[in-house]
Structure formats: structure tokens, C-alpha cells
């Protein structure tokens, strides 16, 4: 998404090649605006799945020839969890990994080294393997304020004007700015 950045000392230009892994199927990786991805953040896509219905999980299909002819339908018939979707203003710590089909809510924080195997609610801090909620950043009222204000969708001029408040203000402050500019969802 716009204004999202990936921090990599070797250069961020090869992000999709080095950090979006096994992207062989129709599933997409969708990343929102203003996200911060630390070095080593990786997204495993559905192509990483192996069939588990039979005796072996070995990926015979990838070796071509008659193995592919005999097994392609098994691999293409694997269930999909759909697109992997990252909301807006999500911060990924160093070396975080996200598994296929996960949805991460706006404002979430993914701790360094976390293995995200399930959906994450907005404004939730998670960590561990598998990633589990550590705490919520705000209460329900404030989360609702932030989601309705959706500062990440504001024109960049308004973001620039209020960048200090976005970084250090309260959810009520953000709600008031959105309301004053006719940008508060009902």
C-alpha cells in the first residue's frame, strides 16, 4: 500500500522475490497503507501447502513428467484460505512470518519473530509461535473511534498537517480531526 515501507539493509527492491514465498496460486498478498515491515518479514503463500490426505506429503508434482501428470489435480485441488490481507498502519517486527490466508487488522503490531497462523483483530499486539494476543492497544470505544476515523485514508496533506497528533495523540484527537474534516464514518 501507499507509504508502506520494508526495511532491508540489502535493499527493498527484491521484496516480492525474497519475502513473498511460494506465490504460485491465485491467492494474493494485499498490504494496506502506512505499514512498517522490519527486515526479515516474510509471507508464505498457499503454494507452500503440501497435501496431507495421503501417506506422503512429498511434492511429487514439482518434479515434472509423469509425476506432475499424475498428481497435478491433487495439488490444484488443495483448499485455499484465500488472500493474505494486511490492514493499514500495521507494524511487523524483525523476522515475523505470516502464513497463507491470514487477515491482520488495522493498527496491529506483530512482534519480532512471531509466526502468525490465524487472523489478528485490529489494534492487537501479538507475539510468539504461534502468535497469540499479548494485549490490545486500546479499548473497544477507542478502537471504534480509530476505525471510523481511518486516518490512513486521509489526503496526504491532512496527514502532513496532523502528523504529530497521529504519532502522539489520542484516539479522541484523531476522531475530532476526522469529524472536523468530514471524514468520520458513521
N, C-alpha and C. Protein backbone atom coordinates (compact mmCIF):
# COMPACT_ATOMS: atom_id res chain seq x y z
N UNK A 1 0.81 -1.19 0.00
CA UNK A 1 0.00 0.00 0.00
C UNK A 1 0.86 1.26 0.00
N UNK A 2 0.24 2.34 -0.30
CA UNK A 2 0.96 3.61 -0.33
C UNK A 2 1.59 3.90 1.04
N UNK A 3 2.77 4.45 1.02
CA UNK A 3 3.53 4.87 2.19
C UNK A 3 3.97 3.69 3.07
N UNK A 4 3.72 2.48 2.64
CA UNK A 4 4.22 1.31 3.36
C UNK A 4 5.69 1.15 3.02
N UNK A 5 6.49 0.76 4.01
CA UNK A 5 7.91 0.57 3.72
C UNK A 5 8.41 -0.75 4.29
N UNK A 6 9.43 -1.28 3.63
CA UNK A 6 10.10 -2.50 4.04
C UNK A 6 11.54 -2.16 4.33
N UNK A 7 11.99 -2.44 5.53
CA UNK A 7 13.36 -2.12 5.94
C UNK A 7 14.25 -3.32 5.69
N UNK A 8 15.17 -3.19 4.75
CA UNK A 8 16.10 -4.28 4.44
C UNK A 8 17.46 -3.68 4.12
N UNK A 9 18.49 -4.01 4.90
CA UNK A 9 19.81 -3.44 4.64
C UNK A 9 20.38 -3.82 3.28
N UNK A 10 19.86 -4.88 2.68
CA UNK A 10 20.32 -5.30 1.35
C UNK A 10 19.49 -4.66 0.24
N UNK A 11 18.53 -3.82 0.59
CA UNK A 11 17.69 -3.16 -0.39
C UNK A 11 16.31 -3.79 -0.45
N UNK A 12 15.32 -2.94 -0.57
CA UNK A 12 13.93 -3.41 -0.54
C UNK A 12 13.38 -3.75 -1.91
N UNK A 13 14.14 -3.54 -2.95
CA UNK A 13 13.61 -3.72 -4.30
C UNK A 13 13.28 -5.17 -4.64
N UNK A 14 13.83 -6.11 -3.91
CA UNK A 14 13.56 -7.52 -4.19
C UNK A 14 12.60 -8.13 -3.17
N UNK A 15 11.76 -7.29 -2.58
CA UNK A 15 10.84 -7.73 -1.53
C UNK A 15 9.99 -8.91 -1.99
N UNK A 16 9.33 -8.78 -3.14
CA UNK A 16 8.44 -9.86 -3.59
C UNK A 16 9.19 -11.15 -3.86
N UNK A 17 10.38 -11.05 -4.37
CA UNK A 17 11.18 -12.23 -4.68
C UNK A 17 11.69 -12.93 -3.41
N UNK A 18 12.11 -12.14 -2.42
CA UNK A 18 12.75 -12.71 -1.24
C UNK A 18 11.84 -12.87 -0.03
N UNK A 19 10.71 -12.17 -0.02
CA UNK A 19 9.90 -12.16 1.18
C UNK A 19 8.46 -12.61 0.99
N UNK A 20 8.03 -12.76 -0.25
CA UNK A 20 6.71 -13.31 -0.55
C UNK A 20 6.99 -14.67 -1.18
N UNK A 21 6.86 -15.71 -0.38
CA UNK A 21 7.35 -17.03 -0.76
C UNK A 21 6.23 -17.96 -1.22
N UNK A 22 6.52 -18.79 -2.20
CA UNK A 22 5.59 -19.81 -2.72
C UNK A 22 4.32 -19.20 -3.30
N UNK A 23 4.46 -18.11 -4.02
CA UNK A 23 3.30 -17.41 -4.61
C UNK A 23 2.97 -18.03 -5.97
N UNK A 24 2.54 -19.28 -5.96
CA UNK A 24 2.28 -19.99 -7.21
C UNK A 24 0.81 -20.00 -7.61
N UNK A 25 -0.10 -19.78 -6.70
CA UNK A 25 -1.53 -19.90 -6.99
C UNK A 25 -2.19 -18.56 -7.22
N UNK A 26 -3.51 -18.56 -7.23
CA UNK A 26 -4.26 -17.32 -7.49
C UNK A 26 -4.35 -16.39 -6.28
N UNK A 27 -3.97 -16.87 -5.11
CA UNK A 27 -4.08 -16.04 -3.91
C UNK A 27 -3.11 -14.86 -3.99
N UNK A 28 -3.56 -13.73 -3.42
CA UNK A 28 -2.76 -12.51 -3.47
C UNK A 28 -2.34 -12.10 -2.06
N UNK A 29 -1.30 -11.29 -2.01
CA UNK A 29 -0.90 -10.60 -0.79
C UNK A 29 -1.33 -9.15 -0.95
N UNK A 30 -2.17 -8.67 -0.04
CA UNK A 30 -2.67 -7.29 -0.08
C UNK A 30 -2.21 -6.60 1.20
N UNK A 31 -1.42 -5.54 1.05
CA UNK A 31 -0.89 -4.80 2.20
C UNK A 31 -1.45 -3.39 2.18
N UNK A 32 -1.97 -2.95 3.32
CA UNK A 32 -2.56 -1.62 3.42
C UNK A 32 -1.53 -0.50 3.44
N UNK A 33 -2.02 0.69 3.72
CA UNK A 33 -1.20 1.90 3.73
C UNK A 33 -0.50 2.08 5.07
N UNK A 34 0.63 2.78 5.03
CA UNK A 34 1.39 3.17 6.22
C UNK A 34 1.80 1.98 7.10
N UNK A 35 2.12 0.86 6.49
CA UNK A 35 2.62 -0.29 7.24
C UNK A 35 4.14 -0.23 7.31
N UNK A 36 4.69 -0.78 8.38
CA UNK A 36 6.15 -0.84 8.57
C UNK A 36 6.55 -2.30 8.70
N UNK A 37 7.34 -2.77 7.74
CA UNK A 37 7.78 -4.16 7.72
C UNK A 37 9.27 -4.20 8.00
N UNK A 38 9.65 -4.78 9.14
CA UNK A 38 11.06 -4.87 9.51
C UNK A 38 11.77 -5.91 8.65
N UNK A 39 13.08 -5.85 8.67
CA UNK A 39 13.91 -6.82 7.97
C UNK A 39 13.48 -8.24 8.32
N UNK A 40 13.42 -9.08 7.32
CA UNK A 40 13.11 -10.49 7.54
C UNK A 40 11.64 -10.82 7.64
N UNK A 41 10.75 -9.83 7.50
CA UNK A 41 9.32 -10.14 7.49
C UNK A 41 9.03 -10.97 6.25
N UNK A 42 8.34 -12.09 6.44
CA UNK A 42 8.05 -12.98 5.31
C UNK A 42 6.59 -13.37 5.30
N UNK A 43 6.10 -13.55 4.08
CA UNK A 43 4.73 -14.00 3.86
C UNK A 43 4.80 -15.31 3.08
N UNK A 44 4.30 -16.38 3.68
CA UNK A 44 4.21 -17.66 2.99
C UNK A 44 2.85 -17.72 2.32
N UNK A 45 2.85 -17.97 1.03
CA UNK A 45 1.60 -18.03 0.28
C UNK A 45 1.14 -19.48 0.16
N UNK A 46 -0.04 -19.69 -0.40
CA UNK A 46 -0.67 -21.01 -0.44
C UNK A 46 0.15 -22.05 -1.19
N UNK A 47 1.03 -21.63 -2.09
CA UNK A 47 1.87 -22.58 -2.81
C UNK A 47 2.80 -23.37 -1.90
N UNK A 48 2.91 -22.97 -0.65
CA UNK A 48 3.75 -23.69 0.31
C UNK A 48 3.06 -24.93 0.86
N UNK A 49 1.75 -25.06 0.62
CA UNK A 49 0.99 -26.17 1.18
C UNK A 49 1.36 -27.50 0.51
N UNK A 50 1.35 -28.53 1.30
CA UNK A 50 1.56 -29.89 0.80
C UNK A 50 0.30 -30.69 1.11
N UNK A 51 -0.07 -31.62 0.23
CA UNK A 51 -1.26 -32.43 0.52
C UNK A 51 -1.02 -33.32 1.74
N UNK A 52 -2.02 -33.42 2.58
CA UNK A 52 -1.90 -34.26 3.78
C UNK A 52 -2.95 -35.36 3.81
N UNK A 53 -3.64 -35.58 2.69
CA UNK A 53 -4.72 -36.56 2.64
C UNK A 53 -4.23 -37.99 2.46
N UNK A 54 -3.01 -38.15 1.98
CA UNK A 54 -2.48 -39.49 1.72
C UNK A 54 -1.33 -39.84 2.64
N UNK A 55 -0.59 -40.84 2.24
CA UNK A 55 0.51 -41.35 3.04
C UNK A 55 1.69 -40.39 3.06
N UNK A 56 1.98 -39.73 1.92
CA UNK A 56 3.15 -38.87 1.82
C UNK A 56 2.77 -37.42 1.56
N UNK A 57 3.58 -36.53 2.11
CA UNK A 57 3.42 -35.10 1.84
C UNK A 57 4.45 -34.61 0.83
N UNK A 58 5.25 -35.51 0.26
CA UNK A 58 6.30 -35.15 -0.68
C UNK A 58 5.71 -34.46 -1.90
N UNK A 59 6.33 -33.37 -2.40
CA UNK A 59 5.78 -32.61 -3.53
C UNK A 59 6.15 -33.22 -4.90
N UNK A 60 5.67 -34.41 -5.18
CA UNK A 60 5.97 -35.09 -6.44
C UNK A 60 5.69 -34.20 -7.65
N UNK A 61 4.63 -33.41 -7.58
CA UNK A 61 4.17 -32.59 -8.71
C UNK A 61 5.26 -31.67 -9.25
N UNK A 62 6.09 -31.12 -8.39
CA UNK A 62 7.07 -30.13 -8.83
C UNK A 62 8.22 -30.72 -9.63
N UNK A 63 8.32 -32.04 -9.73
CA UNK A 63 9.45 -32.64 -10.43
C UNK A 63 9.17 -32.98 -11.89
N UNK A 64 7.97 -32.65 -12.36
CA UNK A 64 7.67 -32.79 -13.79
C UNK A 64 7.38 -34.20 -14.24
N UNK A 65 7.22 -34.31 -15.56
CA UNK A 65 6.99 -35.60 -16.19
C UNK A 65 5.72 -36.27 -15.71
N UNK A 66 5.77 -37.58 -15.66
CA UNK A 66 4.57 -38.33 -15.29
C UNK A 66 4.16 -38.07 -13.83
N UNK A 67 5.13 -37.70 -12.97
CA UNK A 67 4.75 -37.36 -11.60
C UNK A 67 3.80 -36.17 -11.59
N UNK A 68 4.10 -35.16 -12.40
CA UNK A 68 3.22 -33.99 -12.48
C UNK A 68 1.88 -34.38 -13.08
N UNK A 69 1.92 -35.12 -14.17
CA UNK A 69 0.68 -35.53 -14.84
C UNK A 69 -0.24 -36.30 -13.89
N UNK A 70 0.33 -37.14 -13.06
CA UNK A 70 -0.47 -37.98 -12.17
C UNK A 70 -0.95 -37.27 -10.90
N UNK A 71 -0.32 -36.14 -10.55
CA UNK A 71 -0.62 -35.53 -9.25
C UNK A 71 -1.08 -34.08 -9.29
N UNK A 72 -1.07 -33.45 -10.46
CA UNK A 72 -1.39 -32.02 -10.55
C UNK A 72 -2.77 -31.71 -9.96
N UNK A 73 -3.74 -32.56 -10.22
CA UNK A 73 -5.09 -32.31 -9.71
C UNK A 73 -5.14 -32.34 -8.18
N UNK A 74 -4.27 -33.13 -7.57
CA UNK A 74 -4.24 -33.18 -6.11
C UNK A 74 -3.76 -31.83 -5.55
N UNK A 75 -2.70 -31.30 -6.15
CA UNK A 75 -2.13 -30.04 -5.68
C UNK A 75 -3.06 -28.87 -5.98
N UNK A 76 -3.61 -28.83 -7.18
CA UNK A 76 -4.50 -27.71 -7.53
C UNK A 76 -5.84 -27.80 -6.80
N UNK A 77 -6.15 -28.96 -6.25
CA UNK A 77 -7.39 -29.13 -5.50
C UNK A 77 -7.26 -28.88 -4.01
N UNK A 78 -6.07 -28.49 -3.56
CA UNK A 78 -5.90 -28.20 -2.14
C UNK A 78 -6.78 -27.03 -1.73
N UNK A 79 -7.37 -27.09 -0.54
CA UNK A 79 -8.21 -25.97 -0.10
C UNK A 79 -7.38 -24.69 0.06
N UNK A 80 -8.01 -23.57 -0.23
CA UNK A 80 -7.35 -22.28 -0.11
C UNK A 80 -7.99 -21.48 1.01
N UNK A 81 -7.18 -20.74 1.75
CA UNK A 81 -7.71 -19.83 2.77
C UNK A 81 -7.93 -18.45 2.18
N UNK A 82 -7.69 -18.29 0.88
CA UNK A 82 -7.90 -17.01 0.23
C UNK A 82 -6.68 -16.11 0.33
N UNK A 83 -6.91 -14.85 0.00
CA UNK A 83 -5.83 -13.87 0.00
C UNK A 83 -5.30 -13.64 1.42
N UNK A 84 -4.05 -13.25 1.51
CA UNK A 84 -3.45 -12.79 2.76
C UNK A 84 -3.61 -11.28 2.77
N UNK A 85 -4.28 -10.74 3.78
CA UNK A 85 -4.62 -9.32 3.79
C UNK A 85 -4.09 -8.66 5.07
N UNK A 86 -3.29 -7.63 4.87
CA UNK A 86 -2.74 -6.83 5.97
C UNK A 86 -3.45 -5.49 5.95
N UNK A 87 -4.01 -5.09 7.08
CA UNK A 87 -4.70 -3.81 7.16
C UNK A 87 -3.73 -2.64 7.06
N UNK A 88 -4.17 -1.50 7.50
CA UNK A 88 -3.39 -0.26 7.46
C UNK A 88 -2.68 -0.04 8.79
N UNK A 89 -1.55 0.66 8.75
CA UNK A 89 -0.82 1.04 9.96
C UNK A 89 -0.44 -0.18 10.81
N UNK A 90 0.01 -1.24 10.15
CA UNK A 90 0.44 -2.45 10.85
C UNK A 90 1.96 -2.45 10.92
N UNK A 91 2.50 -2.79 12.08
CA UNK A 91 3.95 -2.83 12.29
C UNK A 91 4.38 -4.27 12.49
N UNK A 92 5.31 -4.72 11.65
CA UNK A 92 5.88 -6.06 11.75
C UNK A 92 7.28 -5.96 12.33
N UNK A 93 7.55 -6.67 13.41
CA UNK A 93 8.88 -6.72 13.99
C UNK A 93 9.79 -7.62 13.18
N UNK A 94 11.07 -7.55 13.48
CA UNK A 94 12.12 -8.29 12.77
C UNK A 94 11.80 -9.78 12.69
N UNK A 95 11.84 -10.31 11.47
CA UNK A 95 11.71 -11.74 11.28
C UNK A 95 10.32 -12.32 11.49
N UNK A 96 9.29 -11.49 11.46
CA UNK A 96 7.93 -12.02 11.59
C UNK A 96 7.57 -12.82 10.34
N UNK A 97 6.76 -13.86 10.51
CA UNK A 97 6.31 -14.69 9.40
C UNK A 97 4.79 -14.79 9.44
N UNK A 98 4.16 -14.67 8.27
CA UNK A 98 2.71 -14.73 8.16
C UNK A 98 2.36 -15.90 7.24
N UNK A 99 1.48 -16.78 7.70
CA UNK A 99 1.07 -17.94 6.91
C UNK A 99 -0.07 -17.59 5.96
N UNK A 100 -0.35 -18.46 4.99
CA UNK A 100 -1.33 -18.16 3.94
C UNK A 100 -2.74 -17.87 4.48
N UNK A 101 -3.40 -16.92 3.84
CA UNK A 101 -4.80 -16.65 4.09
C UNK A 101 -5.11 -15.90 5.37
N UNK A 102 -4.09 -15.42 6.06
CA UNK A 102 -4.30 -14.70 7.31
C UNK A 102 -4.77 -13.28 7.01
N UNK A 103 -5.62 -12.75 7.88
CA UNK A 103 -6.08 -11.36 7.79
C UNK A 103 -5.63 -10.65 9.07
N UNK A 104 -4.91 -9.55 8.89
CA UNK A 104 -4.38 -8.79 10.01
C UNK A 104 -5.06 -7.43 10.04
N UNK A 105 -5.69 -7.11 11.16
CA UNK A 105 -6.47 -5.89 11.27
C UNK A 105 -5.62 -4.63 11.36
N UNK A 106 -6.27 -3.50 11.07
CA UNK A 106 -5.63 -2.19 11.13
C UNK A 106 -5.00 -1.98 12.51
N UNK A 107 -3.84 -1.32 12.51
CA UNK A 107 -3.21 -0.91 13.76
C UNK A 107 -2.58 -2.03 14.58
N UNK A 108 -2.54 -3.24 14.04
CA UNK A 108 -1.95 -4.36 14.79
C UNK A 108 -0.43 -4.22 14.86
N UNK A 109 0.15 -4.85 15.86
CA UNK A 109 1.61 -4.93 15.99
C UNK A 109 1.97 -6.40 16.07
N UNK A 110 2.89 -6.82 15.19
CA UNK A 110 3.35 -8.20 15.13
C UNK A 110 4.77 -8.21 15.70
N UNK A 111 4.97 -8.89 16.82
CA UNK A 111 6.27 -8.88 17.50
C UNK A 111 7.35 -9.56 16.66
N UNK A 112 8.59 -9.20 16.94
CA UNK A 112 9.73 -9.81 16.26
C UNK A 112 9.68 -11.33 16.42
N UNK A 113 9.90 -12.03 15.33
CA UNK A 113 9.94 -13.48 15.35
C UNK A 113 8.60 -14.17 15.44
N UNK A 114 7.51 -13.42 15.44
CA UNK A 114 6.18 -14.03 15.55
C UNK A 114 5.86 -14.88 14.33
N UNK A 115 5.11 -15.95 14.55
CA UNK A 115 4.62 -16.81 13.47
C UNK A 115 3.10 -16.67 13.47
N UNK A 116 2.58 -15.86 12.54
CA UNK A 116 1.16 -15.55 12.50
C UNK A 116 0.44 -16.65 11.73
N UNK A 117 -0.36 -17.43 12.44
CA UNK A 117 -1.07 -18.57 11.85
C UNK A 117 -2.57 -18.35 11.75
N UNK A 118 -3.07 -17.31 12.40
CA UNK A 118 -4.51 -17.05 12.43
C UNK A 118 -4.76 -15.55 12.32
N UNK A 119 -6.00 -15.18 12.05
CA UNK A 119 -6.37 -13.78 11.90
C UNK A 119 -6.09 -13.00 13.18
N UNK A 120 -5.76 -11.72 13.00
CA UNK A 120 -5.44 -10.82 14.11
C UNK A 120 -6.44 -9.66 14.09
N UNK A 121 -7.06 -9.40 15.22
CA UNK A 121 -8.02 -8.31 15.33
C UNK A 121 -7.31 -6.95 15.25
N UNK A 122 -8.05 -5.90 14.84
CA UNK A 122 -7.45 -4.56 14.79
C UNK A 122 -6.88 -4.14 16.16
N UNK A 123 -5.78 -3.43 16.10
CA UNK A 123 -5.14 -2.84 17.28
C UNK A 123 -4.79 -3.88 18.36
N UNK A 124 -4.36 -5.05 17.91
CA UNK A 124 -3.94 -6.11 18.82
C UNK A 124 -2.44 -6.34 18.65
N UNK A 125 -1.73 -6.49 19.75
CA UNK A 125 -0.31 -6.83 19.73
C UNK A 125 -0.21 -8.34 19.90
N UNK A 126 0.51 -9.00 18.98
CA UNK A 126 0.68 -10.45 19.06
C UNK A 126 2.16 -10.80 19.04
N UNK A 127 2.48 -11.96 19.59
CA UNK A 127 3.84 -12.46 19.57
C UNK A 127 3.87 -13.95 19.82
N UNK A 128 5.00 -14.56 19.50
CA UNK A 128 5.20 -15.97 19.77
C UNK A 128 5.02 -16.85 18.55
N UNK A 129 5.15 -18.17 18.79
CA UNK A 129 4.98 -19.18 17.74
C UNK A 129 4.17 -20.32 18.32
N UNK A 130 2.88 -20.41 17.96
CA UNK A 130 2.17 -19.49 17.07
C UNK A 130 1.87 -18.17 17.77
N UNK A 131 1.69 -17.12 16.98
CA UNK A 131 1.41 -15.80 17.53
C UNK A 131 0.09 -15.82 18.31
N UNK A 132 0.15 -15.26 19.50
CA UNK A 132 -1.03 -15.16 20.36
C UNK A 132 -1.15 -13.70 20.81
N UNK A 133 -2.39 -13.27 21.09
CA UNK A 133 -2.56 -11.90 21.58
C UNK A 133 -1.80 -11.68 22.89
N UNK A 134 -1.07 -10.58 22.94
CA UNK A 134 -0.38 -10.16 24.16
C UNK A 134 -1.28 -9.16 24.88
N UNK A 135 -1.76 -8.19 24.12
CA UNK A 135 -2.73 -7.23 24.66
C UNK A 135 -3.30 -6.42 23.52
N UNK A 136 -4.39 -5.73 23.81
CA UNK A 136 -4.97 -4.79 22.85
C UNK A 136 -4.37 -3.42 23.13
N UNK A 137 -4.20 -2.66 22.07
CA UNK A 137 -3.60 -1.34 22.23
C UNK A 137 -4.57 -0.33 22.83
N UNK A 138 -5.86 -0.51 22.58
CA UNK A 138 -6.90 0.41 23.04
C UNK A 138 -8.14 -0.38 23.43
N UNK A 139 -9.06 0.28 24.13
CA UNK A 139 -10.33 -0.37 24.46
C UNK A 139 -11.27 -0.31 23.25
N UNK A 140 -12.43 -0.97 23.37
CA UNK A 140 -13.37 -1.06 22.25
C UNK A 140 -13.81 0.31 21.73
N UNK A 141 -14.07 1.24 22.63
CA UNK A 141 -14.52 2.58 22.24
C UNK A 141 -13.45 3.28 21.40
N UNK A 142 -12.21 3.22 21.85
CA UNK A 142 -11.13 3.88 21.12
C UNK A 142 -10.82 3.18 19.79
N UNK A 143 -10.91 1.86 19.77
CA UNK A 143 -10.70 1.15 18.50
C UNK A 143 -11.77 1.55 17.50
N UNK A 144 -13.01 1.65 17.96
CA UNK A 144 -14.09 2.10 17.08
C UNK A 144 -13.82 3.51 16.56
N UNK A 145 -13.36 4.40 17.42
CA UNK A 145 -13.01 5.76 17.00
C UNK A 145 -11.97 5.74 15.88
N UNK A 146 -10.91 4.95 16.09
CA UNK A 146 -9.82 4.91 15.12
C UNK A 146 -10.26 4.29 13.79
N UNK A 147 -11.05 3.24 13.86
CA UNK A 147 -11.51 2.60 12.62
C UNK A 147 -12.46 3.52 11.85
N UNK A 148 -13.29 4.27 12.56
CA UNK A 148 -14.19 5.21 11.87
C UNK A 148 -13.43 6.42 11.34
N UNK A 149 -12.38 6.84 12.03
CA UNK A 149 -11.58 7.99 11.57
C UNK A 149 -10.68 7.60 10.40
N UNK A 150 -10.21 6.36 10.37
CA UNK A 150 -9.38 5.82 9.27
C UNK A 150 -8.38 6.85 8.75
N UNK A 151 -7.51 7.31 9.62
CA UNK A 151 -6.57 8.38 9.24
C UNK A 151 -5.74 8.00 8.02
N UNK A 152 -5.49 6.75 7.80
CA UNK A 152 -4.67 6.28 6.66
C UNK A 152 -5.32 6.56 5.31
N UNK A 153 -6.63 6.84 5.33
CA UNK A 153 -7.33 7.19 4.09
C UNK A 153 -7.44 8.70 3.88
N UNK A 154 -6.95 9.48 4.81
CA UNK A 154 -6.99 10.93 4.67
C UNK A 154 -6.09 11.36 3.53
N UNK A 155 -6.39 12.51 2.92
CA UNK A 155 -5.46 13.08 1.94
C UNK A 155 -4.10 13.31 2.61
N UNK A 156 -3.04 13.12 1.87
CA UNK A 156 -1.70 13.23 2.44
C UNK A 156 -1.45 14.62 3.04
N UNK A 157 -2.09 15.64 2.50
CA UNK A 157 -1.93 16.99 3.05
C UNK A 157 -2.48 17.06 4.48
N UNK A 158 -3.61 16.38 4.72
CA UNK A 158 -4.19 16.37 6.06
C UNK A 158 -3.33 15.52 7.01
N UNK A 159 -2.81 14.41 6.51
CA UNK A 159 -1.88 13.61 7.32
C UNK A 159 -0.67 14.46 7.70
N UNK A 160 -0.13 15.18 6.73
CA UNK A 160 1.04 16.02 6.98
C UNK A 160 0.74 17.10 8.02
N UNK A 161 -0.43 17.71 7.89
CA UNK A 161 -0.83 18.77 8.83
C UNK A 161 -0.95 18.24 10.27
N UNK A 162 -1.35 16.97 10.40
CA UNK A 162 -1.62 16.42 11.73
C UNK A 162 -0.70 15.25 12.10
N UNK A 163 0.46 15.17 11.45
CA UNK A 163 1.35 14.03 11.67
C UNK A 163 1.78 13.89 13.13
N UNK A 164 1.99 14.99 13.82
CA UNK A 164 2.38 14.91 15.23
C UNK A 164 1.26 14.30 16.06
N UNK A 165 0.02 14.70 15.81
CA UNK A 165 -1.12 14.15 16.54
C UNK A 165 -1.31 12.68 16.21
N UNK A 166 -1.10 12.31 14.95
CA UNK A 166 -1.23 10.90 14.55
C UNK A 166 -0.21 10.06 15.32
N UNK A 167 0.99 10.58 15.51
CA UNK A 167 2.03 9.82 16.21
C UNK A 167 1.89 9.83 17.73
N UNK A 168 1.34 10.91 18.30
CA UNK A 168 1.37 11.02 19.76
C UNK A 168 0.03 11.39 20.39
N UNK A 169 -1.00 11.60 19.59
CA UNK A 169 -2.29 12.00 20.12
C UNK A 169 -3.12 10.81 20.58
N UNK A 170 -4.33 11.11 20.98
CA UNK A 170 -5.25 10.08 21.46
C UNK A 170 -6.23 9.70 20.35
N UNK A 171 -6.91 8.56 20.50
CA UNK A 171 -7.96 8.23 19.53
C UNK A 171 -9.04 9.31 19.44
N UNK A 172 -9.36 9.96 20.56
CA UNK A 172 -10.34 11.05 20.53
C UNK A 172 -9.83 12.22 19.70
N UNK A 173 -8.53 12.51 19.77
CA UNK A 173 -7.95 13.57 18.94
C UNK A 173 -8.10 13.25 17.45
N UNK A 174 -7.82 12.02 17.09
CA UNK A 174 -7.90 11.60 15.68
C UNK A 174 -9.35 11.64 15.21
N UNK A 175 -10.26 11.20 16.08
CA UNK A 175 -11.68 11.25 15.75
C UNK A 175 -12.13 12.69 15.51
N UNK A 176 -11.68 13.62 16.34
CA UNK A 176 -12.06 15.03 16.20
C UNK A 176 -11.55 15.62 14.89
N UNK A 177 -10.33 15.28 14.50
CA UNK A 177 -9.78 15.78 13.22
C UNK A 177 -10.60 15.23 12.05
N UNK A 178 -10.89 13.93 12.09
CA UNK A 178 -11.68 13.33 11.01
C UNK A 178 -13.05 13.98 10.93
N UNK A 179 -13.68 14.18 12.09
CA UNK A 179 -15.01 14.79 12.14
C UNK A 179 -14.99 16.22 11.60
N UNK A 180 -14.00 17.00 12.00
CA UNK A 180 -13.89 18.40 11.56
C UNK A 180 -13.67 18.51 10.06
N UNK A 181 -13.14 17.45 9.45
CA UNK A 181 -12.87 17.46 8.01
C UNK A 181 -13.86 16.63 7.20
N UNK A 182 -14.96 16.23 7.85
CA UNK A 182 -15.99 15.46 7.16
C UNK A 182 -15.54 14.07 6.73
N UNK A 183 -14.59 13.49 7.47
CA UNK A 183 -14.03 12.19 7.10
C UNK A 183 -14.35 11.08 8.09
N UNK A 184 -15.23 11.35 9.04
CA UNK A 184 -15.57 10.36 10.05
C UNK A 184 -16.71 9.48 9.56
N UNK A 185 -16.46 8.19 9.45
CA UNK A 185 -17.50 7.25 9.01
C UNK A 185 -18.53 7.09 10.12
N UNK A 186 -19.77 6.82 9.72
CA UNK A 186 -20.82 6.66 10.74
C UNK A 186 -20.96 5.24 11.21
